[in-house]
N, C-alpha and C. Protein backbone atom coordinates (compact mmCIF):
# COMPACT_ATOMS: atom_id res chain seq x y z
N MET A 1 39.12 84.37 96.43
CA MET A 1 40.08 85.40 96.64
C MET A 1 41.49 84.79 96.63
N GLY A 2 42.40 85.42 95.88
CA GLY A 2 43.76 84.91 95.79
C GLY A 2 44.60 85.29 96.99
N ARG A 3 45.61 84.51 97.23
CA ARG A 3 46.53 84.81 98.33
C ARG A 3 47.53 85.87 97.90
N LYS A 4 47.82 86.73 98.79
CA LYS A 4 48.79 87.77 98.53
C LYS A 4 50.19 87.23 98.85
N LYS A 5 51.08 87.33 97.89
CA LYS A 5 52.44 86.85 98.11
C LYS A 5 53.23 87.88 98.90
N ALA A 6 53.95 87.39 99.86
CA ALA A 6 54.81 88.27 100.65
C ALA A 6 55.97 88.73 99.78
N LYS A 7 56.28 90.00 99.87
CA LYS A 7 57.42 90.54 99.13
C LYS A 7 58.71 90.16 99.83
N LYS A 8 59.64 89.65 99.06
CA LYS A 8 60.96 89.32 99.61
C LYS A 8 61.89 90.50 99.39
N GLU A 9 62.64 90.79 100.43
CA GLU A 9 63.65 91.84 100.28
C GLU A 9 64.85 91.25 99.58
N VAL A 10 65.28 91.91 98.56
CA VAL A 10 66.44 91.45 97.82
C VAL A 10 67.62 92.33 98.18
N GLU A 11 68.64 91.70 98.72
CA GLU A 11 69.84 92.45 99.06
C GLU A 11 70.81 92.36 97.90
N TYR A 12 71.33 93.49 97.53
CA TYR A 12 72.29 93.54 96.42
C TYR A 12 73.66 93.86 96.99
N GLU A 13 74.60 93.03 96.67
CA GLU A 13 75.97 93.29 97.09
C GLU A 13 76.80 93.58 95.86
N ASP A 14 77.42 94.73 95.87
CA ASP A 14 78.28 95.13 94.76
C ASP A 14 79.67 94.54 95.00
N PRO A 15 80.15 93.71 94.09
CA PRO A 15 81.48 93.11 94.30
C PRO A 15 82.60 94.15 94.38
N ARG A 16 82.33 95.35 93.86
CA ARG A 16 83.36 96.40 93.91
C ARG A 16 83.53 96.94 95.33
N ASP A 17 82.56 96.65 96.22
CA ASP A 17 82.70 97.10 97.61
C ASP A 17 83.95 96.51 98.27
N ASP A 18 84.39 95.35 97.78
CA ASP A 18 85.60 94.72 98.32
C ASP A 18 86.86 95.53 98.03
N LEU A 19 86.74 96.51 97.14
CA LEU A 19 87.90 97.32 96.77
C LEU A 19 88.02 98.58 97.62
N LEU A 20 87.06 98.82 98.50
CA LEU A 20 87.02 100.06 99.26
C LEU A 20 87.77 99.97 100.59
N SER A 21 88.27 101.11 101.01
CA SER A 21 88.97 101.27 102.28
C SER A 21 90.20 100.38 102.39
N LEU A 22 90.91 100.26 101.28
CA LEU A 22 92.15 99.50 101.25
C LEU A 22 93.28 100.41 100.78
N PHE A 23 94.47 100.17 101.29
CA PHE A 23 95.62 100.93 100.82
C PHE A 23 96.04 100.41 99.46
N LEU A 24 96.39 101.35 98.58
CA LEU A 24 96.87 101.03 97.25
C LEU A 24 98.38 101.21 97.23
N LYS A 25 99.08 100.15 96.80
CA LYS A 25 100.54 100.22 96.71
C LYS A 25 100.97 100.21 95.25
N ASP A 26 102.02 100.98 94.95
CA ASP A 26 102.54 101.01 93.58
C ASP A 26 103.40 99.76 93.33
N VAL A 27 103.98 99.68 92.15
CA VAL A 27 104.76 98.49 91.77
C VAL A 27 105.99 98.28 92.67
N ASN A 28 106.43 99.33 93.36
CA ASN A 28 107.58 99.23 94.26
C ASN A 28 107.18 98.94 95.70
N GLY A 29 105.87 98.81 95.94
CA GLY A 29 105.38 98.52 97.29
C GLY A 29 105.14 99.75 98.14
N ASN A 30 105.27 100.95 97.54
CA ASN A 30 105.01 102.19 98.27
C ASN A 30 103.51 102.48 98.30
N VAL A 31 103.02 102.92 99.45
CA VAL A 31 101.60 103.25 99.57
C VAL A 31 101.32 104.54 98.80
N VAL A 32 100.37 104.45 97.86
CA VAL A 32 99.97 105.60 97.05
C VAL A 32 98.87 106.36 97.77
N GLY A 33 97.92 105.64 98.34
CA GLY A 33 96.79 106.25 99.02
C GLY A 33 95.80 105.18 99.42
N GLU A 34 94.57 105.61 99.71
CA GLU A 34 93.52 104.69 100.14
C GLU A 34 92.34 104.77 99.19
N SER A 35 91.79 103.62 98.84
CA SER A 35 90.64 103.59 97.94
C SER A 35 89.41 104.04 98.70
N ILE A 36 88.66 104.98 98.09
CA ILE A 36 87.47 105.51 98.76
C ILE A 36 86.20 105.33 97.94
N GLY A 37 86.33 104.88 96.70
CA GLY A 37 85.14 104.70 95.88
C GLY A 37 85.47 104.13 94.52
N VAL A 38 84.40 103.83 93.80
CA VAL A 38 84.52 103.36 92.43
C VAL A 38 83.60 104.23 91.59
N SER A 39 84.12 104.75 90.50
CA SER A 39 83.34 105.60 89.60
C SER A 39 83.46 105.00 88.20
N GLY A 40 82.39 104.35 87.77
CA GLY A 40 82.45 103.68 86.47
C GLY A 40 83.45 102.54 86.54
N GLU A 41 84.43 102.58 85.68
CA GLU A 41 85.47 101.55 85.66
C GLU A 41 86.78 102.07 86.25
N LYS A 42 86.67 103.04 87.16
CA LYS A 42 87.86 103.63 87.77
C LYS A 42 87.76 103.58 89.29
N LEU A 43 88.90 103.38 89.92
CA LEU A 43 89.01 103.37 91.36
C LEU A 43 89.35 104.78 91.83
N VAL A 44 88.62 105.27 92.83
CA VAL A 44 88.90 106.59 93.40
C VAL A 44 89.86 106.40 94.57
N VAL A 45 91.00 107.06 94.49
CA VAL A 45 92.03 106.92 95.52
C VAL A 45 92.33 108.29 96.10
N LYS A 46 92.33 108.37 97.43
CA LYS A 46 92.68 109.61 98.13
C LYS A 46 94.09 109.45 98.67
N SER A 47 94.93 110.43 98.34
CA SER A 47 96.30 110.45 98.81
C SER A 47 96.57 111.83 99.40
N GLU A 48 96.61 111.89 100.71
CA GLU A 48 96.71 113.16 101.42
C GLU A 48 95.56 114.06 100.97
N GLU A 49 95.83 115.16 100.30
CA GLU A 49 94.76 116.06 99.85
C GLU A 49 94.42 115.87 98.38
N ARG A 50 95.03 114.91 97.73
CA ARG A 50 94.82 114.69 96.30
C ARG A 50 93.93 113.47 96.06
N PHE A 51 93.27 113.50 94.91
CA PHE A 51 92.42 112.40 94.49
C PHE A 51 92.87 111.92 93.11
N TYR A 52 92.85 110.60 92.93
CA TYR A 52 93.23 109.99 91.66
C TYR A 52 92.10 109.07 91.20
N LEU A 53 91.89 109.00 89.89
CA LEU A 53 90.99 108.01 89.29
C LEU A 53 91.87 107.06 88.50
N ILE A 54 91.96 105.82 88.96
CA ILE A 54 92.84 104.83 88.38
C ILE A 54 92.01 103.73 87.74
N PRO A 55 92.32 103.35 86.50
CA PRO A 55 91.55 102.27 85.87
C PRO A 55 91.56 101.00 86.72
N LEU A 56 90.38 100.39 86.87
CA LEU A 56 90.30 99.14 87.64
C LEU A 56 91.19 98.07 87.03
N SER A 57 91.40 98.14 85.71
CA SER A 57 92.23 97.14 85.03
C SER A 57 93.70 97.24 85.45
N ALA A 58 94.09 98.34 86.09
CA ALA A 58 95.47 98.53 86.51
C ALA A 58 95.70 98.10 87.96
N VAL A 59 94.62 97.63 88.60
CA VAL A 59 94.68 97.33 90.03
C VAL A 59 94.29 95.88 90.29
N GLU A 60 94.97 95.28 91.25
CA GLU A 60 94.66 93.91 91.65
C GLU A 60 94.53 93.86 93.16
N LYS A 61 93.52 93.14 93.64
CA LYS A 61 93.33 93.01 95.08
C LYS A 61 94.23 91.92 95.63
N GLY A 62 94.99 92.29 96.66
CA GLY A 62 95.84 91.32 97.35
C GLY A 62 95.26 91.03 98.72
N GLU A 63 96.07 90.55 99.61
CA GLU A 63 95.65 90.23 100.96
C GLU A 63 95.54 91.52 101.78
N GLY A 64 94.32 92.07 101.86
CA GLY A 64 94.08 93.28 102.64
C GLY A 64 94.64 94.55 102.04
N GLU A 65 94.97 94.53 100.75
CA GLU A 65 95.50 95.71 100.09
C GLU A 65 95.25 95.62 98.59
N LEU A 66 95.49 96.72 97.92
CA LEU A 66 95.40 96.76 96.47
C LEU A 66 96.79 97.04 95.92
N LYS A 67 97.06 96.48 94.75
CA LYS A 67 98.37 96.68 94.13
C LYS A 67 98.19 97.17 92.70
N VAL A 68 99.04 98.11 92.30
CA VAL A 68 99.07 98.55 90.91
C VAL A 68 99.82 97.46 90.14
N VAL A 69 99.15 96.89 89.12
CA VAL A 69 99.77 95.80 88.36
C VAL A 69 100.01 96.16 86.90
N ASN A 70 99.42 97.27 86.45
CA ASN A 70 99.63 97.75 85.09
C ASN A 70 100.03 99.21 85.14
N GLU A 71 100.60 99.68 84.05
CA GLU A 71 101.05 101.07 83.99
C GLU A 71 99.89 102.04 84.18
N VAL A 72 100.15 103.09 84.96
CA VAL A 72 99.15 104.13 85.23
C VAL A 72 99.71 105.47 84.78
N ASP A 73 98.92 106.24 84.06
CA ASP A 73 99.28 107.61 83.71
C ASP A 73 98.87 108.46 84.91
N TRP A 74 99.81 108.68 85.82
CA TRP A 74 99.50 109.34 87.09
C TRP A 74 99.04 110.79 86.91
N GLU A 75 99.58 111.46 85.90
CA GLU A 75 99.16 112.85 85.64
C GLU A 75 97.68 112.88 85.23
N LYS A 76 97.31 111.98 84.33
CA LYS A 76 95.91 111.89 83.90
C LYS A 76 95.02 111.45 85.06
N ALA A 77 95.50 110.48 85.85
CA ALA A 77 94.72 109.99 87.00
C ALA A 77 94.47 111.12 88.00
N LEU A 78 95.46 111.99 88.20
CA LEU A 78 95.30 113.12 89.11
C LEU A 78 94.29 114.12 88.56
N LYS A 79 94.39 114.46 87.28
CA LYS A 79 93.44 115.40 86.68
C LYS A 79 92.01 114.89 86.78
N GLU A 80 91.82 113.60 86.45
CA GLU A 80 90.49 113.02 86.52
C GLU A 80 90.00 112.93 87.97
N GLY A 81 90.91 112.64 88.88
CA GLY A 81 90.56 112.56 90.29
C GLY A 81 90.14 113.90 90.86
N GLU A 82 90.85 114.95 90.46
CA GLU A 82 90.49 116.28 90.95
C GLU A 82 89.15 116.74 90.36
N ARG A 83 88.88 116.37 89.10
CA ARG A 83 87.57 116.66 88.50
C ARG A 83 86.47 115.92 89.25
N TRP A 84 86.74 114.67 89.61
CA TRP A 84 85.78 113.87 90.38
C TRP A 84 85.51 114.53 91.72
N ARG A 85 86.59 114.98 92.38
CA ARG A 85 86.43 115.65 93.69
C ARG A 85 85.56 116.89 93.58
N GLU A 86 85.84 117.71 92.56
CA GLU A 86 85.05 118.94 92.38
C GLU A 86 83.58 118.62 92.15
N LYS A 87 83.32 117.60 91.37
CA LYS A 87 81.94 117.24 91.04
C LYS A 87 81.22 116.55 92.20
N GLU A 88 81.89 115.62 92.84
CA GLU A 88 81.24 114.78 93.85
C GLU A 88 81.35 115.29 95.28
N LEU A 89 82.50 115.81 95.66
CA LEU A 89 82.72 116.14 97.06
C LEU A 89 82.55 117.61 97.40
N ASP A 90 82.97 118.50 96.53
CA ASP A 90 82.89 119.92 96.87
C ASP A 90 81.46 120.34 97.18
N LEU A 91 80.50 119.82 96.44
CA LEU A 91 79.10 120.17 96.72
C LEU A 91 78.67 119.64 98.07
N LEU A 92 79.12 118.44 98.42
CA LEU A 92 78.77 117.87 99.72
C LEU A 92 79.40 118.65 100.86
N TRP A 93 80.63 119.10 100.66
CA TRP A 93 81.34 119.81 101.69
C TRP A 93 81.05 121.32 101.68
N GLY A 94 80.24 121.77 100.71
CA GLY A 94 79.91 123.19 100.63
C GLY A 94 81.06 124.04 100.15
N GLU A 95 82.00 123.44 99.42
CA GLU A 95 83.15 124.18 98.93
C GLU A 95 82.96 124.46 97.45
N ARG A 96 83.60 125.49 97.00
CA ARG A 96 83.64 125.81 95.58
C ARG A 96 85.07 125.88 95.15
N SER A 97 85.34 125.40 93.97
CA SER A 97 86.71 125.48 93.46
C SER A 97 87.06 126.94 93.22
N GLU A 98 88.35 127.26 93.24
CA GLU A 98 88.80 128.65 93.09
C GLU A 98 88.36 129.25 91.78
N GLY A 99 88.23 128.45 90.74
CA GLY A 99 87.86 128.96 89.43
C GLY A 99 86.38 129.15 89.25
N ALA A 100 85.56 128.73 90.22
CA ALA A 100 84.10 128.84 90.07
C ALA A 100 83.68 130.29 90.30
N GLY A 101 82.70 130.73 89.53
CA GLY A 101 82.28 132.13 89.66
C GLY A 101 80.95 132.19 90.16
């Protein structure tokens, strides 16, 4: 009879977790918002009641904060962020967007 090998638990750490719960500052050092998630290759940032999806390539991690280091199309980031919110959060919070029928 063969010996049964014990299963090892494999812990997976996502390196993108280091980008979460940090304040994001723009090129002038102003706080834009706080990072709350990563969706694909975009950082999800909450700023007051708004959500932005910012390309990870435009962000650099500093000492306890994130900095915008490349140009960001803020209008596009806001549109994508609001779409993300509607898809991901509204269902969790039991909310429906005004345009939903």
